[in-house]
Amino acid sequence: MDKPHFQSLREELDFTTLQIADLLTREVTDAFTRSIEELRTSWHAKGLPIGSIAPDFTLNDHIGKTIALSEEVVKGPVVLTFFRGSWCPYCNLELQAYQQQVDTITSLGAQLFAISPQSPAHSLAMQEKNGLSFPVLCDTNNRVAEKYKLRFRLPDHFQDTYRTLDIDLKHFNSDDSWTLPIPATYILDNQGVIRSAYLDPDYKKRMEPTEVLDILRTLT
């Protein structure tokens, strides 16, 4: 069966949600729904506001190259997209969609960096699997996600649900904190000011790459 043609990332994510629902038990899908609602209620940080200065950081990418945000923003606008990991189908689709637009992002004088808590080995595997030409940065223990007010700990009862699906965050992230970032996309200008912020506790929701392009065009 041919893959449907999607007009947007949002359409593809919604289609994927329907596919996943057919594969999982009702108990598991209900658990994920509850986890989203609990996170909406308990997550008070709400990320960083538009107009604030993006916290500086230094991280290694999937091949060990060191990236310092302060050294990159002076070159032009920067797009930071925080994602959960290679085990998340929504994250894979999001980064694939960004790969389709990366040449346009570059042509606008901007750079794109994807950030997750997973280990360098899993980041490299994800980069190769999806043919990504932009850096995938390794945020051990979600320290940078914490600076951006995105870090949260998965409750113990949801950890068990993840394990039933062979998603062991200790394995993927090489730490036992069981923390994740809220999926988020920030667009920074060349002064490091946050000019756009998209974040949603519902991991099935992501910013459209075409919307990122529209904002970048206002900054160049």
Foldseek 3Di string as FASTA:
>chain_A
DDDDDDPFLLVVLVVVVVVVVVVDDPVLVVLLVVQLVVCVVPQDLPFDDFFDFQDWDWFAFLVGDIDTVLVALLQWKEKEWEAEFPVDPSVLSVQLQVQVCQVVCVVLRYAYEYEYLFDSVRRVVSCVVSVHPHTYTHCHPCPSLVSRSFKDARDPVVCVSCVVVVNHCCVGRVDNRRMTGFTKMFMATSVRGTRDIDGGSNNSDDDIVVVVSVVSNVRD
